[in-house]
Amino acid sequence: MTQIEKLLLANKSWAQEKVLFDPQFFERLSKVQTPEFLWIGCSDSRVPANEITGTQPGEIFVHRNVANLVVHTDLNLLTVLKYAVEYLKVKHVIVCGHYGCGGVQAALTNKNFGLINKWLRNIKDVYRFHKHEIDALTTIEEKTNKLVELNVAEQILNLAKTSIIQKSWGANEGPTLHGWVYGLDNGLLKEISSMDKNSKLEEIFKYNFEL
């Protein structure tokens, strides 16, 4: 049996188990999705949003990329964000990084990764903002994990800079933004930062929707 065949067989077992305990599970799920959360996480296979938060299908709207970045030119991310905020009306947006992130560690090196360099540049900029704090640490593990935390905080700020979030906040609505980091060694989530409609944002980044 091939690995793909194993996946398909596992899928059948999972579907049968769901129906066994909840006969209307798929019928109910197929009609509507009303998640309260948008999860922007790392593509790392060890950080599955549903499993580590104990949530079921339909409860979290998910976008993942290398090192959980919020890049203002990433149309994929912005499309997901707009749909989640304006149509699904999510109450919370979570950016979740994880300690030991390979993308973050790679960004701390001078290695040439070809096309990947363009993506890692975003993390290198976060390092540039906090160079003295990170360089004061001793080991590459300490430097990586500190940059993981600082990167999550920076992505929360990047979310707040978008017109999508600001427009929703201006309408007296959510979402609240949450920055978390997941520990691969203990399975626990750590809160790093948060922002809501009352949080301060530098004037230059604020949009005037009346113009």
N, C-alpha and C. Protein backbone atom coordinates (compact mmCIF):
# COMPACT_ATOMS: atom_id res chain seq x y z
N MET A 1 0.84 -1.20 0.00
CA MET A 1 0.00 0.00 0.00
C MET A 1 0.88 1.25 0.00
N THR A 2 0.60 2.18 -0.92
CA THR A 2 1.39 3.40 -1.00
C THR A 2 0.98 4.38 0.11
N GLN A 3 1.81 5.40 0.30
CA GLN A 3 1.51 6.41 1.32
C GLN A 3 0.22 7.17 0.98
N ILE A 4 -0.01 7.42 -0.31
CA ILE A 4 -1.23 8.10 -0.72
C ILE A 4 -2.45 7.22 -0.43
N GLU A 5 -2.34 5.93 -0.70
CA GLU A 5 -3.44 5.02 -0.42
C GLU A 5 -3.74 4.96 1.07
N LYS A 6 -2.69 5.06 1.88
CA LYS A 6 -2.88 5.08 3.33
C LYS A 6 -3.66 6.32 3.77
N LEU A 7 -3.35 7.45 3.13
CA LEU A 7 -4.07 8.68 3.47
C LEU A 7 -5.55 8.56 3.12
N LEU A 8 -5.84 8.00 1.96
CA LEU A 8 -7.23 7.85 1.54
C LEU A 8 -7.98 6.88 2.45
N LEU A 9 -7.30 5.82 2.88
CA LEU A 9 -7.91 4.85 3.79
C LEU A 9 -8.17 5.48 5.15
N ALA A 10 -7.20 6.28 5.61
CA ALA A 10 -7.36 6.98 6.89
C ALA A 10 -8.53 7.95 6.83
N ASN A 11 -8.71 8.58 5.67
CA ASN A 11 -9.82 9.50 5.49
C ASN A 11 -11.16 8.80 5.63
N LYS A 12 -11.27 7.61 5.04
CA LYS A 12 -12.51 6.84 5.14
C LYS A 12 -12.81 6.49 6.60
N SER A 13 -11.78 6.08 7.32
CA SER A 13 -11.96 5.72 8.72
C SER A 13 -12.39 6.93 9.54
N TRP A 14 -11.78 8.07 9.27
CA TRP A 14 -12.12 9.31 9.99
C TRP A 14 -13.57 9.70 9.72
N ALA A 15 -13.99 9.67 8.44
CA ALA A 15 -15.35 10.05 8.08
C ALA A 15 -16.38 9.12 8.72
N GLN A 16 -16.08 7.82 8.73
CA GLN A 16 -16.99 6.84 9.33
C GLN A 16 -17.11 7.07 10.84
N GLU A 17 -16.00 7.40 11.47
CA GLU A 17 -16.01 7.64 12.92
C GLU A 17 -16.83 8.89 13.26
N LYS A 18 -16.68 9.94 12.44
CA LYS A 18 -17.44 11.16 12.67
C LYS A 18 -18.95 10.90 12.59
N VAL A 19 -19.36 10.16 11.58
CA VAL A 19 -20.78 9.87 11.39
C VAL A 19 -21.30 8.96 12.49
N LEU A 20 -20.44 8.06 12.96
CA LEU A 20 -20.84 7.14 14.02
C LEU A 20 -21.23 7.90 15.29
N PHE A 21 -20.46 8.92 15.63
CA PHE A 21 -20.72 9.68 16.86
C PHE A 21 -21.66 10.86 16.64
N ASP A 22 -21.77 11.31 15.38
CA ASP A 22 -22.63 12.46 15.06
C ASP A 22 -23.17 12.29 13.65
N PRO A 23 -24.29 11.60 13.48
CA PRO A 23 -24.82 11.27 12.15
C PRO A 23 -25.05 12.48 11.25
N GLN A 24 -25.31 13.66 11.81
CA GLN A 24 -25.56 14.86 11.01
C GLN A 24 -24.33 15.75 10.85
N PHE A 25 -23.16 15.26 11.25
CA PHE A 25 -21.96 16.08 11.27
C PHE A 25 -21.66 16.72 9.90
N PHE A 26 -21.56 15.90 8.86
CA PHE A 26 -21.19 16.43 7.54
C PHE A 26 -22.33 17.19 6.88
N GLU A 27 -23.55 16.76 7.14
CA GLU A 27 -24.70 17.48 6.60
C GLU A 27 -24.74 18.90 7.16
N ARG A 28 -24.49 19.01 8.45
CA ARG A 28 -24.50 20.32 9.11
C ARG A 28 -23.32 21.17 8.64
N LEU A 29 -22.16 20.55 8.53
CA LEU A 29 -20.94 21.26 8.17
C LEU A 29 -21.00 21.77 6.73
N SER A 30 -21.66 21.03 5.85
CA SER A 30 -21.68 21.39 4.44
C SER A 30 -22.56 22.60 4.14
N LYS A 31 -23.45 22.96 5.06
CA LYS A 31 -24.41 24.03 4.79
C LYS A 31 -23.89 25.41 5.13
N VAL A 32 -23.02 25.52 6.11
CA VAL A 32 -22.57 26.85 6.54
C VAL A 32 -21.28 26.73 7.33
N GLN A 33 -20.45 27.78 7.24
CA GLN A 33 -19.32 27.87 8.14
C GLN A 33 -19.37 29.22 8.83
N THR A 34 -19.29 29.20 10.15
CA THR A 34 -19.36 30.43 10.93
C THR A 34 -18.22 30.46 11.96
N PRO A 35 -16.98 30.44 11.49
CA PRO A 35 -15.86 30.44 12.43
C PRO A 35 -15.72 31.79 13.13
N GLU A 36 -15.28 31.77 14.36
CA GLU A 36 -15.03 33.00 15.10
C GLU A 36 -13.57 33.43 14.98
N PHE A 37 -12.74 32.54 14.41
CA PHE A 37 -11.30 32.78 14.40
C PHE A 37 -10.72 32.66 12.99
N LEU A 38 -9.78 33.57 12.67
CA LEU A 38 -8.90 33.40 11.53
C LEU A 38 -7.52 33.10 12.09
N TRP A 39 -6.93 32.03 11.62
CA TRP A 39 -5.61 31.58 12.08
C TRP A 39 -4.61 31.82 10.96
N ILE A 40 -3.61 32.64 11.21
CA ILE A 40 -2.50 32.84 10.26
C ILE A 40 -1.29 32.17 10.88
N GLY A 41 -0.97 30.99 10.38
CA GLY A 41 0.08 30.19 11.00
C GLY A 41 1.20 29.83 10.04
N CYS A 42 2.19 29.17 10.59
CA CYS A 42 3.33 28.69 9.79
C CYS A 42 2.94 27.42 9.05
N SER A 43 3.54 27.21 7.89
CA SER A 43 3.27 26.01 7.09
C SER A 43 3.84 24.75 7.71
N ASP A 44 4.65 24.89 8.74
CA ASP A 44 5.27 23.73 9.40
C ASP A 44 4.23 22.67 9.73
N SER A 45 4.51 21.44 9.33
CA SER A 45 3.55 20.34 9.49
C SER A 45 3.29 19.95 10.94
N ARG A 46 4.13 20.46 11.83
CA ARG A 46 3.99 20.10 13.25
C ARG A 46 3.08 21.07 14.02
N VAL A 47 2.48 22.04 13.30
CA VAL A 47 1.66 23.04 13.97
C VAL A 47 0.27 23.10 13.34
N PRO A 48 -0.53 22.04 13.49
CA PRO A 48 -1.88 22.03 12.92
C PRO A 48 -2.85 22.82 13.80
N ALA A 49 -3.49 23.83 13.21
CA ALA A 49 -4.32 24.75 13.98
C ALA A 49 -5.42 24.05 14.77
N ASN A 50 -6.19 23.19 14.11
CA ASN A 50 -7.32 22.55 14.78
C ASN A 50 -6.87 21.67 15.94
N GLU A 51 -5.81 20.90 15.69
CA GLU A 51 -5.41 19.92 16.70
C GLU A 51 -4.86 20.57 17.95
N ILE A 52 -4.02 21.59 17.81
CA ILE A 52 -3.39 22.16 19.00
C ILE A 52 -4.33 23.09 19.77
N THR A 53 -5.44 23.47 19.15
CA THR A 53 -6.43 24.29 19.87
C THR A 53 -7.66 23.49 20.28
N GLY A 54 -7.69 22.22 19.93
CA GLY A 54 -8.82 21.37 20.31
C GLY A 54 -10.12 21.79 19.67
N THR A 55 -10.06 22.34 18.46
CA THR A 55 -11.26 22.79 17.77
C THR A 55 -11.64 21.83 16.65
N GLN A 56 -12.89 21.94 16.21
CA GLN A 56 -13.43 21.05 15.19
C GLN A 56 -13.44 21.73 13.82
N PRO A 57 -13.57 20.96 12.73
CA PRO A 57 -13.73 21.56 11.41
C PRO A 57 -14.88 22.56 11.42
N GLY A 58 -14.64 23.72 10.80
CA GLY A 58 -15.66 24.76 10.77
C GLY A 58 -15.49 25.83 11.83
N GLU A 59 -14.59 25.62 12.78
CA GLU A 59 -14.43 26.57 13.88
C GLU A 59 -13.29 27.56 13.67
N ILE A 60 -12.32 27.21 12.81
CA ILE A 60 -11.19 28.10 12.55
C ILE A 60 -10.97 28.20 11.04
N PHE A 61 -10.93 29.44 10.54
CA PHE A 61 -10.58 29.72 9.15
C PHE A 61 -9.07 29.86 9.10
N VAL A 62 -8.40 29.15 8.19
CA VAL A 62 -6.94 29.00 8.29
C VAL A 62 -6.21 29.50 7.04
N HIS A 63 -5.14 30.25 7.29
CA HIS A 63 -4.17 30.60 6.25
C HIS A 63 -2.79 30.29 6.80
N ARG A 64 -1.96 29.63 5.99
CA ARG A 64 -0.62 29.28 6.46
C ARG A 64 0.41 29.64 5.39
N ASN A 65 1.56 30.10 5.85
CA ASN A 65 2.70 30.33 4.97
C ASN A 65 3.98 30.17 5.78
N VAL A 66 5.11 30.21 5.13
CA VAL A 66 6.39 30.04 5.82
C VAL A 66 6.61 31.20 6.79
N ALA A 67 6.74 30.86 8.06
CA ALA A 67 7.02 31.81 9.14
C ALA A 67 5.87 32.76 9.43
N ASN A 68 4.64 32.37 9.08
CA ASN A 68 3.43 33.09 9.46
C ASN A 68 3.53 34.61 9.26
N LEU A 69 3.82 34.99 8.03
CA LEU A 69 4.01 36.41 7.72
C LEU A 69 2.73 37.08 7.23
N VAL A 70 2.60 38.36 7.55
CA VAL A 70 1.54 39.22 7.02
C VAL A 70 2.24 40.26 6.16
N VAL A 71 2.27 40.02 4.85
CA VAL A 71 3.00 40.88 3.92
C VAL A 71 1.99 41.71 3.13
N HIS A 72 2.21 43.01 3.07
CA HIS A 72 1.20 43.91 2.49
C HIS A 72 1.03 43.74 0.99
N THR A 73 1.92 43.02 0.34
CA THR A 73 1.78 42.76 -1.10
C THR A 73 1.31 41.33 -1.40
N ASP A 74 1.03 40.56 -0.37
CA ASP A 74 0.61 39.16 -0.53
C ASP A 74 -0.90 39.11 -0.77
N LEU A 75 -1.30 39.02 -2.03
CA LEU A 75 -2.72 39.02 -2.37
C LEU A 75 -3.44 37.80 -1.83
N ASN A 76 -2.74 36.69 -1.69
CA ASN A 76 -3.34 35.49 -1.12
C ASN A 76 -3.77 35.77 0.32
N LEU A 77 -2.84 36.26 1.12
CA LEU A 77 -3.13 36.58 2.52
C LEU A 77 -4.23 37.63 2.63
N LEU A 78 -4.14 38.68 1.83
CA LEU A 78 -5.11 39.77 1.92
C LEU A 78 -6.51 39.32 1.51
N THR A 79 -6.58 38.40 0.54
CA THR A 79 -7.89 37.86 0.14
C THR A 79 -8.51 37.06 1.27
N VAL A 80 -7.71 36.23 1.90
CA VAL A 80 -8.19 35.45 3.05
C VAL A 80 -8.64 36.38 4.17
N LEU A 81 -7.82 37.39 4.45
CA LEU A 81 -8.14 38.33 5.53
C LEU A 81 -9.44 39.08 5.25
N LYS A 82 -9.60 39.56 4.03
CA LYS A 82 -10.81 40.31 3.67
C LYS A 82 -12.05 39.43 3.79
N TYR A 83 -11.96 38.21 3.29
CA TYR A 83 -13.10 37.30 3.35
C TYR A 83 -13.46 36.98 4.80
N ALA A 84 -12.43 36.71 5.61
CA ALA A 84 -12.66 36.34 7.00
C ALA A 84 -13.27 37.49 7.80
N VAL A 85 -12.77 38.70 7.58
CA VAL A 85 -13.21 39.85 8.36
C VAL A 85 -14.54 40.40 7.86
N GLU A 86 -14.69 40.56 6.54
CA GLU A 86 -15.86 41.25 6.01
C GLU A 86 -17.05 40.33 5.75
N TYR A 87 -16.80 39.07 5.46
CA TYR A 87 -17.89 38.16 5.12
C TYR A 87 -18.17 37.13 6.22
N LEU A 88 -17.12 36.55 6.78
CA LEU A 88 -17.33 35.59 7.86
C LEU A 88 -17.50 36.29 9.21
N LYS A 89 -17.06 37.55 9.29
CA LYS A 89 -17.20 38.34 10.52
C LYS A 89 -16.49 37.68 11.70
N VAL A 90 -15.28 37.21 11.48
CA VAL A 90 -14.53 36.59 12.58
C VAL A 90 -14.31 37.61 13.69
N LYS A 91 -14.29 37.13 14.91
CA LYS A 91 -14.11 38.01 16.06
C LYS A 91 -12.65 38.14 16.46
N HIS A 92 -11.84 37.17 16.02
CA HIS A 92 -10.43 37.14 16.41
C HIS A 92 -9.56 36.73 15.23
N VAL A 93 -8.41 37.39 15.09
CA VAL A 93 -7.39 36.97 14.13
C VAL A 93 -6.15 36.60 14.93
N ILE A 94 -5.70 35.39 14.76
CA ILE A 94 -4.55 34.88 15.51
C ILE A 94 -3.38 34.68 14.56
N VAL A 95 -2.24 35.29 14.88
CA VAL A 95 -0.99 34.98 14.18
C VAL A 95 -0.20 34.07 15.11
N CYS A 96 0.08 32.87 14.65
CA CYS A 96 0.76 31.90 15.51
C CYS A 96 2.07 31.44 14.88
N GLY A 97 3.16 31.78 15.54
CA GLY A 97 4.46 31.27 15.16
C GLY A 97 4.82 30.08 16.03
N HIS A 98 6.02 29.57 15.88
CA HIS A 98 6.44 28.47 16.74
C HIS A 98 7.94 28.53 16.96
N TYR A 99 8.35 28.14 18.15
CA TYR A 99 9.77 28.13 18.48
C TYR A 99 10.49 27.12 17.59
N GLY A 100 11.73 27.43 17.27
CA GLY A 100 12.51 26.56 16.40
C GLY A 100 12.10 26.65 14.94
N CYS A 101 11.47 27.75 14.53
CA CYS A 101 10.98 27.90 13.16
C CYS A 101 12.15 27.92 12.17
N GLY A 102 12.11 27.03 11.20
CA GLY A 102 13.18 26.93 10.22
C GLY A 102 13.30 28.16 9.35
N GLY A 103 12.16 28.77 9.01
CA GLY A 103 12.19 29.98 8.20
C GLY A 103 12.86 31.13 8.93
N VAL A 104 12.56 31.28 10.21
CA VAL A 104 13.16 32.34 11.01
C VAL A 104 14.67 32.09 11.18
N GLN A 105 15.03 30.83 11.43
CA GLN A 105 16.45 30.51 11.58
C GLN A 105 17.21 30.77 10.29
N ALA A 106 16.59 30.43 9.16
CA ALA A 106 17.23 30.66 7.87
C ALA A 106 17.45 32.15 7.62
N ALA A 107 16.51 32.96 8.08
CA ALA A 107 16.61 34.41 7.88
C ALA A 107 17.77 35.01 8.68
N LEU A 108 18.23 34.31 9.69
CA LEU A 108 19.35 34.79 10.50
C LEU A 108 20.70 34.46 9.88
N THR A 109 20.70 33.78 8.76
CA THR A 109 21.95 33.40 8.09
C THR A 109 22.16 34.25 6.84
N ASN A 110 23.33 34.07 6.23
CA ASN A 110 23.65 34.75 4.97
C ASN A 110 23.58 33.78 3.79
N LYS A 111 22.95 32.63 4.01
CA LYS A 111 22.85 31.63 2.94
C LYS A 111 21.93 32.13 1.83
N ASN A 112 22.24 31.71 0.61
CA ASN A 112 21.42 32.05 -0.55
C ASN A 112 20.43 30.92 -0.79
N PHE A 113 19.14 31.22 -0.64
CA PHE A 113 18.09 30.22 -0.82
C PHE A 113 17.30 30.44 -2.12
N GLY A 114 17.88 31.21 -3.03
CA GLY A 114 17.21 31.45 -4.31
C GLY A 114 15.93 32.25 -4.14
N LEU A 115 14.85 31.76 -4.73
CA LEU A 115 13.57 32.47 -4.69
C LEU A 115 13.10 32.72 -3.26
N ILE A 116 13.45 31.81 -2.36
CA ILE A 116 13.01 31.93 -0.96
C ILE A 116 13.59 33.20 -0.31
N ASN A 117 14.71 33.70 -0.85
CA ASN A 117 15.31 34.91 -0.29
C ASN A 117 14.32 36.05 -0.19
N LYS A 118 13.45 36.16 -1.20
CA LYS A 118 12.50 37.28 -1.26
C LYS A 118 11.52 37.22 -0.09
N TRP A 119 11.13 36.02 0.29
CA TRP A 119 10.20 35.85 1.42
C TRP A 119 10.91 36.09 2.75
N LEU A 120 12.13 35.54 2.86
CA LEU A 120 12.86 35.67 4.11
C LEU A 120 13.29 37.12 4.38
N ARG A 121 13.35 37.95 3.35
CA ARG A 121 13.69 39.36 3.52
C ARG A 121 12.79 40.03 4.53
N ASN A 122 11.52 39.62 4.56
CA ASN A 122 10.57 40.20 5.51
C ASN A 122 10.98 39.91 6.95
N ILE A 123 11.53 38.73 7.18
CA ILE A 123 11.98 38.37 8.54
C ILE A 123 13.30 39.08 8.85
N LYS A 124 14.16 39.20 7.86
CA LYS A 124 15.43 39.91 8.06
C LYS A 124 15.18 41.36 8.48
N ASP A 125 14.11 41.96 7.94
CA ASP A 125 13.77 43.32 8.35
C ASP A 125 13.37 43.38 9.82
N VAL A 126 12.65 42.36 10.29
CA VAL A 126 12.30 42.31 11.72
C VAL A 126 13.57 42.21 12.56
N TYR A 127 14.51 41.40 12.09
CA TYR A 127 15.81 41.31 12.79
C TYR A 127 16.49 42.68 12.82
N ARG A 128 16.45 43.39 11.69
CA ARG A 128 17.09 44.72 11.61
C ARG A 128 16.50 45.68 12.63
N PHE A 129 15.18 45.60 12.85
CA PHE A 129 14.53 46.48 13.82
C PHE A 129 15.00 46.19 15.25
N HIS A 130 15.38 44.94 15.50
CA HIS A 130 15.69 44.51 16.87
C HIS A 130 17.09 43.90 16.97
N LYS A 131 18.00 44.36 16.12
CA LYS A 131 19.33 43.76 16.00
C LYS A 131 20.08 43.69 17.32
N HIS A 132 20.11 44.78 18.06
CA HIS A 132 20.90 44.81 19.30
C HIS A 132 20.35 43.84 20.33
N GLU A 133 19.04 43.74 20.42
CA GLU A 133 18.42 42.81 21.39
C GLU A 133 18.74 41.37 21.04
N ILE A 134 18.67 41.03 19.76
CA ILE A 134 18.91 39.65 19.33
C ILE A 134 20.39 39.30 19.40
N ASP A 135 21.25 40.23 18.97
CA ASP A 135 22.69 39.96 18.97
C ASP A 135 23.25 39.82 20.38
N ALA A 136 22.53 40.32 21.36
CA ALA A 136 23.00 40.20 22.75
C ALA A 136 22.85 38.78 23.28
N LEU A 137 22.06 37.97 22.59
CA LEU A 137 21.86 36.59 23.02
C LEU A 137 23.02 35.71 22.54
N THR A 138 23.19 34.57 23.19
CA THR A 138 24.39 33.76 22.98
C THR A 138 24.25 32.71 21.89
N THR A 139 23.22 31.87 21.99
CA THR A 139 23.11 30.72 21.09
C THR A 139 22.17 31.01 19.93
N ILE A 140 22.33 30.24 18.86
CA ILE A 140 21.44 30.39 17.71
C ILE A 140 20.02 30.05 18.08
N GLU A 141 19.83 29.11 19.03
CA GLU A 141 18.49 28.75 19.48
C GLU A 141 17.82 29.94 20.18
N GLU A 142 18.58 30.61 21.04
CA GLU A 142 18.04 31.78 21.74
C GLU A 142 17.72 32.90 20.75
N LYS A 143 18.61 33.14 19.81
CA LYS A 143 18.40 34.18 18.81
C LYS A 143 17.17 33.88 17.96
N THR A 144 17.05 32.60 17.54
CA THR A 144 15.91 32.20 16.71
C THR A 144 14.60 32.38 17.45
N ASN A 145 14.56 31.90 18.67
CA ASN A 145 13.30 31.95 19.43
C ASN A 145 12.90 33.38 19.79
N LYS A 146 13.88 34.24 20.04
CA LYS A 146 13.56 35.65 20.30
C LYS A 146 13.03 36.30 19.02
N LEU A 147 13.63 35.97 17.88
CA LEU A 147 13.15 36.53 16.62
C LEU A 147 11.78 35.97 16.27
N VAL A 148 11.51 34.74 16.63
CA VAL A 148 10.17 34.16 16.43
C VAL A 148 9.13 35.02 17.15
N GLU A 149 9.40 35.37 18.41
CA GLU A 149 8.46 36.19 19.18
C GLU A 149 8.33 37.59 18.60
N LEU A 150 9.45 38.20 18.27
CA LEU A 150 9.41 39.55 17.70
C LEU A 150 8.73 39.56 16.34
N ASN A 151 8.91 38.50 15.58
CA ASN A 151 8.28 38.40 14.27
C ASN A 151 6.76 38.32 14.40
N VAL A 152 6.28 37.55 15.36
CA VAL A 152 4.83 37.46 15.60
C VAL A 152 4.26 38.83 15.96
N ALA A 153 4.94 39.54 16.85
CA ALA A 153 4.49 40.88 17.24
C ALA A 153 4.46 41.82 16.05
N GLU A 154 5.45 41.70 15.16
CA GLU A 154 5.51 42.56 13.98
C GLU A 154 4.37 42.26 13.02
N GLN A 155 3.99 40.98 12.91
CA GLN A 155 2.89 40.61 12.02
C GLN A 155 1.54 41.11 12.55
N ILE A 156 1.40 41.15 13.86
CA ILE A 156 0.19 41.73 14.45
C ILE A 156 0.10 43.21 14.07
N LEU A 157 1.22 43.91 14.14
CA LEU A 157 1.26 45.31 13.74
C LEU A 157 0.95 45.46 12.25
N ASN A 158 1.48 44.53 11.44
CA ASN A 158 1.20 44.57 10.00
C ASN A 158 -0.28 44.39 9.71
N LEU A 159 -0.95 43.55 10.49
CA LEU A 159 -2.40 43.40 10.34
C LEU A 159 -3.11 44.71 10.63
N ALA A 160 -2.71 45.36 11.72
CA ALA A 160 -3.34 46.61 12.11
C ALA A 160 -3.13 47.71 11.08
N LYS A 161 -2.09 47.60 10.28
CA LYS A 161 -1.80 48.59 9.25
C LYS A 161 -2.67 48.42 8.02
N THR A 162 -3.36 47.30 7.88
CA THR A 162 -4.16 47.07 6.67
C THR A 162 -5.46 47.85 6.72
N SER A 163 -5.92 48.28 5.54
CA SER A 163 -7.20 48.98 5.46
C SER A 163 -8.35 48.04 5.82
N ILE A 164 -8.15 46.74 5.64
CA ILE A 164 -9.19 45.76 5.96
C ILE A 164 -9.52 45.78 7.45
N ILE A 165 -8.48 45.71 8.26
CA ILE A 165 -8.67 45.72 9.71
C ILE A 165 -9.15 47.10 10.17
N GLN A 166 -8.55 48.16 9.66
CA GLN A 166 -8.92 49.51 10.10
C GLN A 166 -10.37 49.85 9.74
N LYS A 167 -10.80 49.42 8.58
CA LYS A 167 -12.19 49.67 8.18
C LYS A 167 -13.16 48.96 9.13
N SER A 168 -12.83 47.74 9.51
CA SER A 168 -13.68 46.99 10.43
C SER A 168 -13.68 47.64 11.81
N TRP A 169 -12.51 48.06 12.27
CA TRP A 169 -12.43 48.75 13.55
C TRP A 169 -13.22 50.05 13.53
N GLY A 170 -13.16 50.76 12.40
CA GLY A 170 -13.87 52.03 12.28
C GLY A 170 -15.37 51.88 12.34
N ALA A 171 -15.84 50.69 11.98
CA ALA A 171 -17.28 50.41 12.03
C ALA A 171 -17.70 49.90 13.41
N ASN A 172 -16.80 50.09 14.39
CA ASN A 172 -17.05 49.64 15.76
C ASN A 172 -17.20 48.14 15.87
N GLU A 173 -16.44 47.44 15.07
CA GLU A 173 -16.47 45.98 15.11
C GLU A 173 -15.08 45.44 15.44
N GLY A 174 -14.99 44.12 15.56
CA GLY A 174 -13.70 43.48 15.74
C GLY A 174 -12.96 43.49 14.42
N PRO A 175 -11.99 42.65 14.28
CA PRO A 175 -11.61 41.61 15.23
C PRO A 175 -10.50 42.06 16.18
N THR A 176 -10.34 41.31 17.24
CA THR A 176 -9.18 41.48 18.10
C THR A 176 -8.04 40.67 17.51
N LEU A 177 -6.84 41.23 17.53
CA LEU A 177 -5.67 40.56 16.97
C LEU A 177 -4.84 39.95 18.09
N HIS A 178 -4.41 38.71 17.90
CA HIS A 178 -3.66 37.99 18.93
C HIS A 178 -2.38 37.41 18.34
N GLY A 179 -1.26 37.62 19.00
CA GLY A 179 0.00 37.03 18.58
C GLY A 179 0.43 35.94 19.55
N TRP A 180 0.54 34.72 19.05
CA TRP A 180 0.90 33.57 19.88
C TRP A 180 2.13 32.88 19.32
N VAL A 181 2.82 32.15 20.20
CA VAL A 181 3.91 31.27 19.78
C VAL A 181 3.69 29.90 20.39
N TYR A 182 3.85 28.87 19.57
CA TYR A 182 3.62 27.49 19.96
C TYR A 182 4.94 26.81 20.28
N GLY A 183 4.97 26.06 21.36
CA GLY A 183 6.16 25.32 21.74
C GLY A 183 6.12 23.90 21.21
N LEU A 184 7.03 23.58 20.32
CA LEU A 184 7.08 22.22 19.77
C LEU A 184 7.44 21.20 20.84
N ASP A 185 8.17 21.64 21.86
CA ASP A 185 8.66 20.70 22.88
C ASP A 185 7.66 20.44 23.99
N ASN A 186 6.62 21.29 24.10
CA ASN A 186 5.64 21.06 25.18
C ASN A 186 4.19 21.18 24.73
N GLY A 187 3.96 21.59 23.47
CA GLY A 187 2.61 21.67 22.95
C GLY A 187 1.79 22.84 23.46
N LEU A 188 2.44 23.81 24.11
CA LEU A 188 1.71 24.91 24.72
C LEU A 188 1.82 26.19 23.89
N LEU A 189 0.76 27.00 23.95
CA LEU A 189 0.72 28.29 23.28
C LEU A 189 1.07 29.40 24.26
N LYS A 190 1.87 30.35 23.81
CA LYS A 190 2.26 31.49 24.64
C LYS A 190 1.78 32.77 23.98
N GLU A 191 1.09 33.61 24.73
CA GLU A 191 0.61 34.88 24.19
C GLU A 191 1.74 35.89 24.18
N ILE A 192 1.95 36.52 23.02
CA ILE A 192 3.05 37.48 22.85
C ILE A 192 2.54 38.92 22.81
N SER A 193 1.47 39.15 22.06
CA SER A 193 0.95 40.50 21.92
C SER A 193 -0.50 40.46 21.48
N SER A 194 -1.16 41.60 21.55
CA SER A 194 -2.54 41.70 21.07
C SER A 194 -2.85 43.16 20.73
N MET A 195 -3.81 43.36 19.86
CA MET A 195 -4.28 44.69 19.49
C MET A 195 -5.77 44.64 19.22
N ASP A 196 -6.45 45.74 19.50
CA ASP A 196 -7.86 45.86 19.14
C ASP A 196 -8.12 47.29 18.65
N LYS A 197 -9.38 47.63 18.45
CA LYS A 197 -9.71 48.93 17.86
C LYS A 197 -9.29 50.11 18.72
N ASN A 198 -8.98 49.86 19.99
CA ASN A 198 -8.55 50.94 20.88
C ASN A 198 -7.03 51.05 20.98
N SER A 199 -6.31 50.17 20.29
CA SER A 199 -4.85 50.18 20.36
C SER A 199 -4.28 51.35 19.55
N LYS A 200 -3.14 51.82 19.97
CA LYS A 200 -2.50 52.95 19.29
C LYS A 200 -1.75 52.48 18.05
N LEU A 201 -1.87 53.28 16.99
CA LEU A 201 -1.17 53.01 15.74
C LEU A 201 -0.59 54.34 15.26
N GLU A 202 0.64 54.30 14.77
CA GLU A 202 1.26 55.53 14.29
C GLU A 202 0.39 56.19 13.22
N GLU A 203 0.28 57.51 13.30
CA GLU A 203 -0.62 58.27 12.43
C GLU A 203 -0.39 58.00 10.95
N ILE A 204 0.86 57.82 10.55
CA ILE A 204 1.19 57.66 9.14
C ILE A 204 0.56 56.41 8.54
N PHE A 205 0.22 55.44 9.39
CA PHE A 205 -0.35 54.18 8.90
C PHE A 205 -1.88 54.17 8.93
N LYS A 206 -2.48 55.25 9.44
CA LYS A 206 -3.95 55.27 9.55
C LYS A 206 -4.57 55.76 8.24
N TYR A 207 -5.66 55.10 7.83
CA TYR A 207 -6.36 55.46 6.60
C TYR A 207 -7.56 56.34 6.93
N ASN A 208 -7.79 57.34 6.08
CA ASN A 208 -8.96 58.20 6.21
C ASN A 208 -10.00 57.71 5.21
N PHE A 209 -11.01 57.02 5.69
CA PHE A 209 -12.01 56.43 4.81
C PHE A 209 -13.06 57.43 4.34
N GLU A 210 -12.97 58.66 4.83
CA GLU A 210 -13.93 59.67 4.43
C GLU A 210 -13.52 60.39 3.15
N LEU A 211 -12.24 60.25 2.76
CA LEU A 211 -11.75 60.92 1.55
C LEU A 211 -12.18 60.18 0.30
